[in-house]
Amino acid sequence: MTTELFDREFLFVTGKGGVGKTTVSAAIALAAAKRGKRVLVAMCNAKERLSHLLEVDAIGTRNQRVAPNLEAVNMTPQVALEEYGMMVLKVRSVYKAVFENRFVAAVLRGTPGIEAWSMLGKAYFHTEEKDEAGRPRYDLVIVDGPATGHALDMLRVPQVICDVAPPGLLRNEAEKARALFRDARRSAAVLVTLPEDMPANETIELRAALARDDVAMPVGALVVNSMLSKIFKPAEREPIAALPGALADGSPAFALAMAGRQRALREATQRDAMAKLKEELPELPRTVLPMLHVPEFRRSAIESLAACFEA
């Protein structure tokens, strides 16, 4: 799984809110960078926390180096559109003549999803960007995408632009981006979930939505985040869960019994969620990341998770 994932040029990391998409994006990026890949992590107008995880300066709206072989950017629609326009048109005077023309500006404002495209288009451009020697500037671009619904809306934008925009630069770029995002050899979505019922169900629905014609993006991996190690055998979980009810009032063992009950129930929930994911998404390569019990989630924790992608 890992080799195929890292050999792609574009990864779009998404999932239900709160499942750890930024953590997973950072871990994949570090693992790829350690392999010698030149990597860009592109966040989508996010409440930026990647800098905290990697213990680097705050990450702004321009690409900046955060580790060996690794750069990051927190894209905002306005800055991304300007930068993307400059990258496509090359010359600032041409950019100003085109993008600051009031008629062009009116068309852009009226184009559905243009804010999402400004960020997605910038990320796409970096997969095609060359350095001074003519080599790709980045081997891998990772988009730390929004949560499920907004992610699907964003990924539909190239098709929307192809449908509604007149022939020209904007439509041509959208067509090229759409081709990249649908090419399983070059691009993939990475689905992040937790071993819980609701995130698992949403992930299954997300997998189906990505396969529809208006998105048609291949899925390269399923990442199950924050997996607790097993303490109890399956046959032990039910009696452990029932133990608090069997104790006398005021028992000094009650707090311990409640902790055991919560752990037994959580392990049962994990088992059920994993079984559902295996049954509904059997074709997806799967990486399971352990729950790390650390005082503060920082760079060393991300490196531990990155090792899971290297294994």
C-alpha atoms as a PDB file:
ATOM      1  CA  MET A   1       0.000   0.000   0.000  1.00  0.00           C
ATOM      2  CA  THR A   2       2.651   2.487   1.014  1.00  0.00           C
ATOM      3  CA  THR A   3       4.708   2.317  -2.179  1.00  0.00           C
ATOM      4  CA  GLU A   4       1.664   2.852  -4.380  1.00  0.00           C
ATOM      5  CA  LEU A   5       0.464   5.733  -2.216  1.00  0.00           C
ATOM      6  CA  PHE A   6       3.825   7.498  -2.186  1.00  0.00           C
ATOM      7  CA  ASP A   7       4.316   6.992  -5.913  1.00  0.00           C
ATOM      8  CA  ARG A   8       1.328   9.193  -6.670  1.00  0.00           C
ATOM      9  CA  GLU A   9       1.698  12.913  -7.297  1.00  0.00           C
ATOM     10  CA  PHE A  10      -1.463  14.184  -5.585  1.00  0.00           C
ATOM     11  CA  LEU A  11      -3.230  13.030  -2.411  1.00  0.00           C
ATOM     12  CA  PHE A  12      -6.446  14.515  -1.036  1.00  0.00           C
ATOM     13  CA  VAL A  13      -6.898  13.708   2.662  1.00  0.00           C
ATOM     14  CA  THR A  14     -10.456  13.913   3.931  1.00  0.00           C
ATOM     15  CA  GLY A  15     -12.980  12.434   6.346  1.00  0.00           C
ATOM     16  CA  LYS A  16     -15.471  13.361   9.028  1.00  0.00           C
ATOM     17  CA  GLY A  17     -14.585  16.405  11.118  1.00  0.00           C
ATOM     18  CA  GLY A  18     -12.425  15.589  14.125  1.00  0.00           C
ATOM     19  CA  VAL A  19     -10.947  12.308  12.867  1.00  0.00           C
ATOM     20  CA  GLY A  20      -7.381  13.662  12.614  1.00  0.00           C
ATOM     21  CA  LYS A  21      -6.953  14.644   8.953  1.00  0.00           C
ATOM     22  CA  THR A  22      -4.141  17.105   9.688  1.00  0.00           C
ATOM     23  CA  THR A  23      -2.357  14.555  11.851  1.00  0.00           C
ATOM     24  CA  VAL A  24      -2.568  11.967   9.075  1.00  0.00           C
ATOM     25  CA  SER A  25      -1.490  14.487   6.418  1.00  0.00           C
ATOM     26  CA  ALA A  26       1.554  15.383   8.513  1.00  0.00           C
ATOM     27  CA  ALA A  27       2.446  11.729   9.120  1.00  0.00           C
ATOM     28  CA  ILE A  28       2.197  10.817   5.422  1.00  0.00           C
ATOM     29  CA  ALA A  29       4.213  13.912   4.507  1.00  0.00           C
ATOM     30  CA  LEU A  30       7.020  13.095   6.947  1.00  0.00           C
ATOM     31  CA  ALA A  31       7.129   9.481   5.782  1.00  0.00           C
ATOM     32  CA  ALA A  32       7.304  10.539   2.126  1.00  0.00           C
ATOM     33  CA  ALA A  33       9.933  13.209   2.838  1.00  0.00           C
ATOM     34  CA  LYS A  34      12.054  10.650   4.671  1.00  0.00           C
ATOM     35  CA  ARG A  35      11.999   8.565   1.482  1.00  0.00           C
ATOM     36  CA  GLY A  36      13.478  11.519  -0.406  1.00  0.00           C
ATOM     37  CA  LYS A  37      10.239  12.795  -1.909  1.00  0.00           C
ATOM     38  CA  ARG A  38       9.868  16.563  -2.201  1.00  0.00           C
ATOM     39  CA  VAL A  39       6.519  17.147  -0.520  1.00  0.00           C
ATOM     40  CA  LEU A  40       4.058  20.026  -0.197  1.00  0.00           C
ATOM     41  CA  VAL A  41       1.236  19.941   2.369  1.00  0.00           C
ATOM     42  CA  ALA A  42      -1.511  22.360   1.332  1.00  0.00           C
ATOM     43  CA  MET A  43      -4.159  23.250   3.924  1.00  0.00           C
ATOM     44  CA  CYS A  44      -7.477  24.747   2.810  1.00  0.00           C
ATOM     45  CA  ASN A  45      -8.061  28.001   4.707  1.00  0.00           C
ATOM     46  CA  ALA A  46      -7.678  26.011   7.909  1.00  0.00           C
ATOM     47  CA  LYS A  47      -7.375  26.871  11.565  1.00  0.00           C
ATOM     48  CA  GLU A  48      -3.703  26.144  11.252  1.00  0.00           C
ATOM     49  CA  ARG A  49      -2.272  23.573  13.683  1.00  0.00           C
ATOM     50  CA  LEU A  50       0.307  21.837  11.500  1.00  0.00           C
ATOM     51  CA  SER A  51       3.020  24.185  12.763  1.00  0.00           C
ATOM     52  CA  HIS A  52       2.238  23.121  16.343  1.00  0.00           C
ATOM     53  CA  LEU A  53       2.430  19.441  15.401  1.00  0.00           C
ATOM     54  CA  LEU A  54       5.747  19.867  13.574  1.00  0.00           C
ATOM     55  CA  GLU A  55       7.149  22.429  16.051  1.00  0.00           C
ATOM     56  CA  VAL A  56       7.879  25.064  13.399  1.00  0.00           C
ATOM     57  CA  ASP A  57       6.942  28.706  12.815  1.00  0.00           C
ATOM     58  CA  ALA A  58       3.316  29.476  11.991  1.00  0.00           C
ATOM     59  CA  ILE A  59       2.448  28.437   8.435  1.00  0.00           C
ATOM     60  CA  GLY A  60       1.127  31.264   6.279  1.00  0.00           C
ATOM     61  CA  THR A  61      -0.387  31.716   2.838  1.00  0.00           C
ATOM     62  CA  ARG A  62       2.900  31.282   0.937  1.00  0.00           C
ATOM     63  CA  ASN A  63       4.758  28.000   0.547  1.00  0.00           C
ATOM     64  CA  GLN A  64       7.425  27.672   3.227  1.00  0.00           C
ATOM     65  CA  ARG A  65       9.945  25.033   4.245  1.00  0.00           C
ATOM     66  CA  VAL A  66       9.039  23.218   7.477  1.00  0.00           C
ATOM     67  CA  ALA A  67      11.379  20.193   7.385  1.00  0.00           C
ATOM     68  CA  PRO A  68      13.906  18.569   5.041  1.00  0.00           C
ATOM     69  CA  ASN A  69      12.147  17.869   1.714  1.00  0.00           C
ATOM     70  CA  LEU A  70       8.911  19.239   3.148  1.00  0.00           C
ATOM     71  CA  GLU A  71       7.060  22.518   2.549  1.00  0.00           C
ATOM     72  CA  ALA A  72       3.612  23.639   3.693  1.00  0.00           C
ATOM     73  CA  VAL A  73       1.085  26.370   2.993  1.00  0.00           C
ATOM     74  CA  ASN A  74      -2.256  27.433   4.458  1.00  0.00           C
ATOM     75  CA  MET A  75      -4.200  28.473   1.365  1.00  0.00           C
ATOM     76  CA  THR A  76      -6.829  31.213   1.459  1.00  0.00           C
ATOM     77  CA  PRO A  77      -9.101  31.880  -1.544  1.00  0.00           C
ATOM     78  CA  GLN A  78      -7.915  35.431  -2.290  1.00  0.00           C
ATOM     79  CA  VAL A  79      -4.185  34.772  -2.008  1.00  0.00           C
ATOM     80  CA  ALA A  80      -4.453  31.387  -3.715  1.00  0.00           C
ATOM     81  CA  LEU A  81      -6.313  32.859  -6.696  1.00  0.00           C
ATOM     82  CA  GLU A  82      -3.720  35.603  -7.115  1.00  0.00           C
ATOM     83  CA  GLU A  83      -0.820  33.168  -6.803  1.00  0.00           C
ATOM     84  CA  TYR A  84      -2.459  30.606  -9.081  1.00  0.00           C
ATOM     85  CA  GLY A  85      -3.160  33.290 -11.681  1.00  0.00           C
ATOM     86  CA  MET A  86       0.461  34.411 -11.542  1.00  0.00           C
ATOM     87  CA  MET A  87       1.721  30.844 -11.864  1.00  0.00           C
ATOM     88  CA  VAL A  88      -0.447  30.221 -14.910  1.00  0.00           C
ATOM     89  CA  LEU A  89       0.073  33.585 -16.655  1.00  0.00           C
ATOM     90  CA  LYS A  90       3.737  33.999 -15.555  1.00  0.00           C
ATOM     91  CA  VAL A  91       3.858  37.807 -15.889  1.00  0.00           C
ATOM     92  CA  ARG A  92       2.297  40.126 -13.302  1.00  0.00           C
ATOM     93  CA  SER A  93       1.267  42.696 -15.902  1.00  0.00           C
ATOM     94  CA  VAL A  94      -0.604  39.980 -17.795  1.00  0.00           C
ATOM     95  CA  TYR A  95      -2.162  38.771 -14.553  1.00  0.00           C
ATOM     96  CA  LYS A  96      -3.380  42.271 -13.719  1.00  0.00           C
ATOM     97  CA  ALA A  97      -4.743  42.757 -17.232  1.00  0.00           C
ATOM     98  CA  VAL A  98      -6.680  39.481 -17.081  1.00  0.00           C
ATOM     99  CA  PHE A  99      -7.691  38.864 -13.469  1.00  0.00           C
ATOM    100  CA  GLU A 100      -8.225  42.501 -12.503  1.00  0.00           C
ATOM    101  CA  ASN A 101     -10.292  43.266 -15.597  1.00  0.00           C
ATOM    102  CA  ARG A 102     -13.790  44.089 -14.344  1.00  0.00           C
ATOM    103  CA  PHE A 103     -15.452  41.826 -16.904  1.00  0.00           C
ATOM    104  CA  VAL A 104     -13.201  38.901 -16.015  1.00  0.00           C
ATOM    105  CA  ALA A 105     -13.732  39.607 -12.325  1.00  0.00           C
ATOM    106  CA  ALA A 106     -17.499  39.508 -12.857  1.00  0.00           C
ATOM    107  CA  VAL A 107     -17.227  36.155 -14.637  1.00  0.00           C
ATOM    108  CA  LEU A 108     -15.040  34.762 -11.857  1.00  0.00           C
ATOM    109  CA  ARG A 109     -17.429  35.944  -9.154  1.00  0.00           C
ATOM    110  CA  GLY A 110     -20.292  34.310 -11.028  1.00  0.00           C
ATOM    111  CA  THR A 111     -18.493  30.995 -11.504  1.00  0.00           C
ATOM    112  CA  PRO A 112     -19.815  28.422  -9.019  1.00  0.00           C
ATOM    113  CA  GLY A 113     -17.135  27.237  -6.610  1.00  0.00           C
ATOM    114  CA  ILE A 114     -14.465  29.747  -7.665  1.00  0.00           C
ATOM    115  CA  GLU A 115     -13.179  30.127  -4.082  1.00  0.00           C
ATOM    116  CA  ALA A 116     -12.740  26.368  -3.768  1.00  0.00           C
ATOM    117  CA  TRP A 117     -11.131  26.269  -7.207  1.00  0.00           C
ATOM    118  CA  SER A 118      -8.648  28.981  -6.273  1.00  0.00           C
ATOM    119  CA  MET A 119      -7.236  26.637  -3.623  1.00  0.00           C
ATOM    120  CA  LEU A 120      -7.662  23.364  -5.484  1.00  0.00           C
ATOM    121  CA  GLY A 121      -6.240  24.929  -8.650  1.00  0.00           C
ATOM    122  CA  LYS A 122      -3.160  26.157  -6.790  1.00  0.00           C
ATOM    123  CA  ALA A 123      -2.593  22.680  -5.337  1.00  0.00           C
ATOM    124  CA  TYR A 124      -3.041  21.155  -8.799  1.00  0.00           C
ATOM    125  CA  PHE A 125      -0.598  23.613 -10.359  1.00  0.00           C
ATOM    126  CA  HIS A 126       2.135  22.542  -7.960  1.00  0.00           C
ATOM    127  CA  THR A 127       1.907  18.978  -9.284  1.00  0.00           C
ATOM    128  CA  GLU A 128       2.891  20.394 -12.687  1.00  0.00           C
ATOM    129  CA  GLU A 129       5.376  23.030 -11.498  1.00  0.00           C
ATOM    130  CA  LYS A 130       9.018  22.736 -12.557  1.00  0.00           C
ATOM    131  CA  ASP A 131      12.148  24.072 -10.909  1.00  0.00           C
ATOM    132  CA  GLU A 132      14.949  25.944 -12.665  1.00  0.00           C
ATOM    133  CA  ALA A 133      16.478  22.661 -13.833  1.00  0.00           C
ATOM    134  CA  GLY A 134      13.200  21.558 -15.407  1.00  0.00           C
ATOM    135  CA  ARG A 135      12.468  18.920 -12.772  1.00  0.00           C
ATOM    136  CA  PRO A 136       9.204  18.747 -10.810  1.00  0.00           C
ATOM    137  CA  ARG A 137       9.378  21.151  -7.880  1.00  0.00           C
ATOM    138  CA  TYR A 138       7.360  18.681  -5.804  1.00  0.00           C
ATOM    139  CA  ASP A 139       7.109  14.916  -6.132  1.00  0.00           C
ATOM    140  CA  LEU A 140       3.983  14.798  -3.978  1.00  0.00           C
ATOM    141  CA  VAL A 141       1.321  17.376  -3.153  1.00  0.00           C
ATOM    142  CA  ILE A 142      -0.884  16.504  -0.170  1.00  0.00           C
ATOM    143  CA  VAL A 143      -4.080  18.490   0.308  1.00  0.00           C
ATOM    144  CA  ASP A 144      -5.195  18.503   3.932  1.00  0.00           C
ATOM    145  CA  GLY A 145      -8.800  18.747   2.847  1.00  0.00           C
ATOM    146  CA  PRO A 146     -11.952  19.929   4.588  1.00  0.00           C
ATOM    147  CA  ALA A 147     -14.490  17.593   6.185  1.00  0.00           C
ATOM    148  CA  THR A 148     -16.624  15.283   4.086  1.00  0.00           C
ATOM    149  CA  GLY A 149     -19.369  17.562   2.742  1.00  0.00           C
ATOM    150  CA  HIS A 150     -17.113  20.515   1.938  1.00  0.00           C
ATOM    151  CA  ALA A 151     -14.500  18.148   0.509  1.00  0.00           C
ATOM    152  CA  LEU A 152     -17.001  16.690  -1.955  1.00  0.00           C
ATOM    153  CA  ASP A 153     -18.143  20.180  -2.942  1.00  0.00           C
ATOM    154  CA  MET A 154     -14.522  21.168  -3.564  1.00  0.00           C
ATOM    155  CA  LEU A 155     -13.747  18.080  -5.646  1.00  0.00           C
ATOM    156  CA  ARG A 156     -16.851  18.655  -7.793  1.00  0.00           C
ATOM    157  CA  VAL A 157     -15.696  22.143  -8.788  1.00  0.00           C
ATOM    158  CA  PRO A 158     -13.499  21.137 -11.774  1.00  0.00           C
ATOM    159  CA  GLN A 159     -16.486  19.365 -13.326  1.00  0.00           C
ATOM    160  CA  VAL A 160     -18.745  22.350 -12.596  1.00  0.00           C
ATOM    161  CA  ILE A 161     -16.280  24.720 -14.272  1.00  0.00           C
ATOM    162  CA  CYS A 162     -15.992  22.399 -17.273  1.00  0.00           C
ATOM    163  CA  ASP A 163     -19.790  22.444 -17.537  1.00  0.00           C
ATOM    164  CA  VAL A 164     -20.427  26.182 -17.149  1.00  0.00           C
ATOM    165  CA  ALA A 165     -17.287  28.144 -18.028  1.00  0.00           C
ATOM    166  CA  PRO A 166     -16.783  29.319 -21.629  1.00  0.00           C
ATOM    167  CA  PRO A 167     -13.788  27.965 -23.566  1.00  0.00           C
ATOM    168  CA  GLY A 168     -10.611  29.606 -22.367  1.00  0.00           C
ATOM    169  CA  LEU A 169      -7.938  29.561 -19.707  1.00  0.00           C
ATOM    170  CA  LEU A 170     -10.165  28.773 -16.717  1.00  0.00           C
ATOM    171  CA  ARG A 171     -11.891  25.871 -18.419  1.00  0.00           C
ATOM    172  CA  ASN A 172      -8.652  24.497 -19.869  1.00  0.00           C
ATOM    173  CA  GLU A 173      -7.034  24.441 -16.430  1.00  0.00           C
ATOM    174  CA  ALA A 174     -10.106  22.795 -14.888  1.00  0.00           C
ATOM    175  CA  GLU A 175     -10.075  20.095 -17.565  1.00  0.00           C
ATOM    176  CA  LYS A 176      -6.408  19.314 -16.881  1.00  0.00           C
ATOM    177  CA  ALA A 177      -6.990  19.222 -13.125  1.00  0.00           C
ATOM    178  CA  ARG A 178     -10.024  16.962 -13.568  1.00  0.00           C
ATOM    179  CA  ALA A 179      -7.918  14.557 -15.629  1.00  0.00           C
ATOM    180  CA  LEU A 180      -5.257  14.463 -12.910  1.00  0.00           C
ATOM    181  CA  PHE A 181      -7.713  13.911 -10.051  1.00  0.00           C
ATOM    182  CA  ARG A 182      -9.334  10.992 -11.886  1.00  0.00           C
ATOM    183  CA  ASP A 183      -6.074   9.272 -12.830  1.00  0.00           C
ATOM    184  CA  ALA A 184      -5.528   6.416 -10.348  1.00  0.00           C
ATOM    185  CA  ARG A 185      -1.838   6.247 -11.246  1.00  0.00           C
ATOM    186  CA  ARG A 186      -1.210   9.869 -10.274  1.00  0.00           C
ATOM    187  CA  SER A 187      -3.885  10.840  -7.767  1.00  0.00           C
ATOM    188  CA  ALA A 188      -5.910   9.436  -4.868  1.00  0.00           C
ATOM    189  CA  ALA A 189      -8.110  10.331  -1.954  1.00  0.00           C
ATOM    190  CA  VAL A 190      -7.032   9.196   1.493  1.00  0.00           C
ATOM    191  CA  LEU A 191     -10.017   8.520   3.752  1.00  0.00           C
ATOM    192  CA  VAL A 192      -9.441   9.091   7.462  1.00  0.00           C
ATOM    193  CA  THR A 193     -11.778   7.657  10.072  1.00  0.00           C
ATOM    194  CA  LEU A 194     -11.970   6.583  13.680  1.00  0.00           C
ATOM    195  CA  PRO A 195     -12.855   3.066  14.876  1.00  0.00           C
ATOM    196  CA  GLU A 196     -16.334   4.242  15.851  1.00  0.00           C
ATOM    197  CA  ASP A 197     -19.803   3.771  14.402  1.00  0.00           C
ATOM    198  CA  MET A 198     -20.623   7.258  13.057  1.00  0.00           C
ATOM    199  CA  PRO A 199     -17.222   7.983  11.463  1.00  0.00           C
ATOM    200  CA  ALA A 200     -17.186   4.504   9.915  1.00  0.00           C
ATOM    201  CA  ASN A 201     -20.646   4.992   8.401  1.00  0.00           C
ATOM    202  CA  GLU A 202     -19.701   8.413   7.025  1.00  0.00           C
ATOM    203  CA  THR A 203     -16.527   6.965   5.519  1.00  0.00           C
ATOM    204  CA  ILE A 204     -18.507   4.279   3.715  1.00  0.00           C
ATOM    205  CA  GLU A 205     -20.851   6.940   2.323  1.00  0.00           C
ATOM    206  CA  LEU A 206     -17.876   9.113   1.348  1.00  0.00           C
ATOM    207  CA  ARG A 207     -16.319   6.238  -0.584  1.00  0.00           C
ATOM    208  CA  ALA A 208     -19.521   5.886  -2.594  1.00  0.00           C
ATOM    209  CA  ALA A 209     -19.776   9.633  -3.225  1.00  0.00           C
ATOM    210  CA  LEU A 210     -16.212   9.828  -4.528  1.00  0.00           C
ATOM    211  CA  ALA A 211     -17.022   7.167  -7.113  1.00  0.00           C
ATOM    212  CA  ARG A 212     -19.874   9.167  -8.656  1.00  0.00           C
ATOM    213  CA  ASP A 213     -19.446  10.727 -12.081  1.00  0.00           C
ATOM    214  CA  ASP A 214     -19.197  14.336 -10.889  1.00  0.00           C
ATOM    215  CA  VAL A 215     -16.113  13.484  -8.791  1.00  0.00           C
ATOM    216  CA  ALA A 216     -14.785  10.087  -9.931  1.00  0.00           C
ATOM    217  CA  MET A 217     -11.707  10.264  -7.720  1.00  0.00           C
ATOM    218  CA  PRO A 218      -9.892   7.010  -6.923  1.00  0.00           C
ATOM    219  CA  VAL A 219      -9.342   6.134  -3.274  1.00  0.00           C
ATOM    220  CA  GLY A 220      -5.800   5.119  -2.448  1.00  0.00           C
ATOM    221  CA  ALA A 221      -6.015   4.286   1.241  1.00  0.00           C
ATOM    222  CA  LEU A 222      -8.194   4.030   4.307  1.00  0.00           C
ATOM    223  CA  VAL A 223      -6.563   5.282   7.507  1.00  0.00           C
ATOM    224  CA  VAL A 224      -8.129   4.286  10.821  1.00  0.00           C
ATOM    225  CA  ASN A 225      -6.845   6.729  13.419  1.00  0.00           C
ATOM    226  CA  SER A 226      -6.604   6.487  17.239  1.00  0.00           C
ATOM    227  CA  MET A 227      -6.964   2.728  17.612  1.00  0.00           C
ATOM    228  CA  LEU A 228      -6.772   1.525  21.204  1.00  0.00           C
ATOM    229  CA  SER A 229      -4.763  -1.619  21.855  1.00  0.00           C
ATOM    230  CA  LYS A 230      -6.771  -4.615  23.042  1.00  0.00           C
ATOM    231  CA  ILE A 231      -6.680  -5.396  26.746  1.00  0.00           C
ATOM    232  CA  PHE A 232      -9.615  -7.798  27.040  1.00  0.00           C
ATOM    233  CA  LYS A 233     -10.409 -10.940  25.111  1.00  0.00           C
ATOM    234  CA  PRO A 234     -13.807 -10.867  23.366  1.00  0.00           C
ATOM    235  CA  ALA A 235     -15.312 -13.272  25.911  1.00  0.00           C
ATOM    236  CA  GLU A 236     -14.165 -11.058  28.787  1.00  0.00           C
ATOM    237  CA  ARG A 237     -15.750  -7.819  27.594  1.00  0.00           C
ATOM    238  CA  GLU A 238     -19.370  -8.529  28.550  1.00  0.00           C
ATOM    239  CA  PRO A 239     -18.686  -9.605  32.160  1.00  0.00           C
ATOM    240  CA  ILE A 240     -16.233  -6.713  32.613  1.00  0.00           C
ATOM    241  CA  ALA A 241     -18.852  -4.267  31.344  1.00  0.00           C
ATOM    242  CA  ALA A 242     -21.419  -5.694  33.786  1.00  0.00           C
ATOM    243  CA  LEU A 243     -19.115  -5.596  36.807  1.00  0.00           C
ATOM    244  CA  PRO A 244     -20.004  -2.090  38.167  1.00  0.00           C
ATOM    245  CA  GLY A 245     -23.657  -3.147  38.520  1.00  0.00           C
ATOM    246  CA  ALA A 246     -22.679  -6.165  40.556  1.00  0.00           C
ATOM    247  CA  LEU A 247     -20.751  -4.201  43.199  1.00  0.00           C
ATOM    248  CA  ALA A 248     -22.216  -3.055  46.489  1.00  0.00           C
ATOM    249  CA  ASP A 249     -22.848   0.659  47.027  1.00  0.00           C
ATOM    250  CA  GLY A 250     -19.693   2.439  48.121  1.00  0.00           C
ATOM    251  CA  SER A 251     -17.385  -0.334  46.965  1.00  0.00           C
ATOM    252  CA  PRO A 252     -13.775   0.874  46.789  1.00  0.00           C
ATOM    253  CA  ALA A 253     -13.474  -1.063  43.506  1.00  0.00           C
ATOM    254  CA  PHE A 254     -16.268   0.881  41.791  1.00  0.00           C
ATOM    255  CA  ALA A 255     -14.042   3.436  40.038  1.00  0.00           C
ATOM    256  CA  LEU A 256     -11.767   0.673  38.760  1.00  0.00           C
ATOM    257  CA  ALA A 257     -14.760  -1.349  37.602  1.00  0.00           C
ATOM    258  CA  MET A 258     -16.151   1.673  35.721  1.00  0.00           C
ATOM    259  CA  ALA A 259     -12.816   2.206  33.987  1.00  0.00           C
ATOM    260  CA  GLY A 260     -12.825  -1.447  32.967  1.00  0.00           C
ATOM    261  CA  ARG A 261     -16.407  -1.133  31.693  1.00  0.00           C
ATOM    262  CA  GLN A 262     -15.572   1.901  29.555  1.00  0.00           C
ATOM    263  CA  ARG A 263     -12.547   0.176  28.082  1.00  0.00           C
ATOM    264  CA  ALA A 264     -14.487  -3.030  27.356  1.00  0.00           C
ATOM    265  CA  LEU A 265     -17.265  -1.086  25.634  1.00  0.00           C
ATOM    266  CA  ARG A 266     -14.755   0.933  23.610  1.00  0.00           C
ATOM    267  CA  GLU A 267     -13.008  -2.244  22.461  1.00  0.00           C
ATOM    268  CA  ALA A 268     -16.348  -3.721  21.404  1.00  0.00           C
ATOM    269  CA  THR A 269     -17.158  -0.532  19.489  1.00  0.00           C
ATOM    270  CA  GLN A 270     -13.792  -0.681  17.734  1.00  0.00           C
ATOM    271  CA  ARG A 271     -14.338  -4.320  16.810  1.00  0.00           C
ATOM    272  CA  ASP A 272     -17.753  -3.583  15.293  1.00  0.00           C
ATOM    273  CA  ALA A 273     -16.529  -0.535  13.380  1.00  0.00           C
ATOM    274  CA  MET A 274     -13.534  -2.374  11.963  1.00  0.00           C
ATOM    275  CA  ALA A 275     -15.732  -5.300  10.921  1.00  0.00           C
ATOM    276  CA  LYS A 276     -18.096  -2.905   9.136  1.00  0.00           C
ATOM    277  CA  LEU A 277     -15.250  -1.164   7.317  1.00  0.00           C
ATOM    278  CA  LYS A 278     -13.754  -4.494   6.264  1.00  0.00           C
ATOM    279  CA  GLU A 279     -17.120  -5.715   4.981  1.00  0.00           C
ATOM    280  CA  GLU A 280     -18.092  -2.524   3.118  1.00  0.00           C
ATOM    281  CA  LEU A 281     -14.653  -1.406   1.887  1.00  0.00           C
ATOM    282  CA  PRO A 282     -12.719  -4.642   1.408  1.00  0.00           C
ATOM    283  CA  GLU A 283     -10.775  -3.332  -1.592  1.00  0.00           C
ATOM    284  CA  LEU A 284      -9.128  -0.412   0.188  1.00  0.00           C
ATOM    285  CA  PRO A 285      -5.578  -0.702   1.527  1.00  0.00           C
ATOM    286  CA  ARG A 286      -5.814   0.056   5.231  1.00  0.00           C
ATOM    287  CA  THR A 287      -3.401   1.611   7.704  1.00  0.00           C
ATOM    288  CA  VAL A 288      -4.266   1.553  11.397  1.00  0.00           C
ATOM    289  CA  LEU A 289      -2.706   4.240  13.577  1.00  0.00           C
ATOM    290  CA  PRO A 290      -2.537   3.638  17.320  1.00  0.00           C
ATOM    291  CA  MET A 291      -3.879   6.019  19.908  1.00  0.00           C
ATOM    292  CA  LEU A 292      -0.796   7.621  21.425  1.00  0.00           C
ATOM    293  CA  HIS A 293      -0.940   8.361  25.131  1.00  0.00           C
ATOM    294  CA  VAL A 294       1.352  11.374  25.270  1.00  0.00           C
ATOM    295  CA  PRO A 295       1.202  14.521  27.430  1.00  0.00           C
ATOM    296  CA  GLU A 296       1.229  16.732  24.336  1.00  0.00           C
ATOM    297  CA  PHE A 297       0.845  15.790  20.685  1.00  0.00           C
ATOM    298  CA  ARG A 298       3.927  17.200  18.961  1.00  0.00           C
ATOM    299  CA  ARG A 299       6.649  16.306  16.437  1.00  0.00           C
ATOM    300  CA  SER A 300       7.773  13.052  18.083  1.00  0.00           C
ATOM    301  CA  ALA A 301       4.191  11.761  18.029  1.00  0.00           C
ATOM    302  CA  ILE A 302       3.823  12.560  14.323  1.00  0.00           C
ATOM    303  CA  GLU A 303       7.109  10.788  13.602  1.00  0.00           C
ATOM    304  CA  SER A 304       5.801   7.714  15.442  1.00  0.00           C
ATOM    305  CA  LEU A 305       2.720   7.696  13.239  1.00  0.00           C
ATOM    306  CA  ALA A 306       4.804   8.316  10.131  1.00  0.00           C
ATOM    307  CA  ALA A 307       6.642   5.081  10.923  1.00  0.00           C
ATOM    308  CA  CYS A 308       3.302   3.252  10.516  1.00  0.00           C
ATOM    309  CA  PHE A 309       3.224   4.371   6.861  1.00  0.00           C
ATOM    310  CA  GLU A 310       6.840   3.353   6.379  1.00  0.00           C
ATOM    311  CA  ALA A 311       6.324  -0.150   7.790  1.00  0.00           C
END
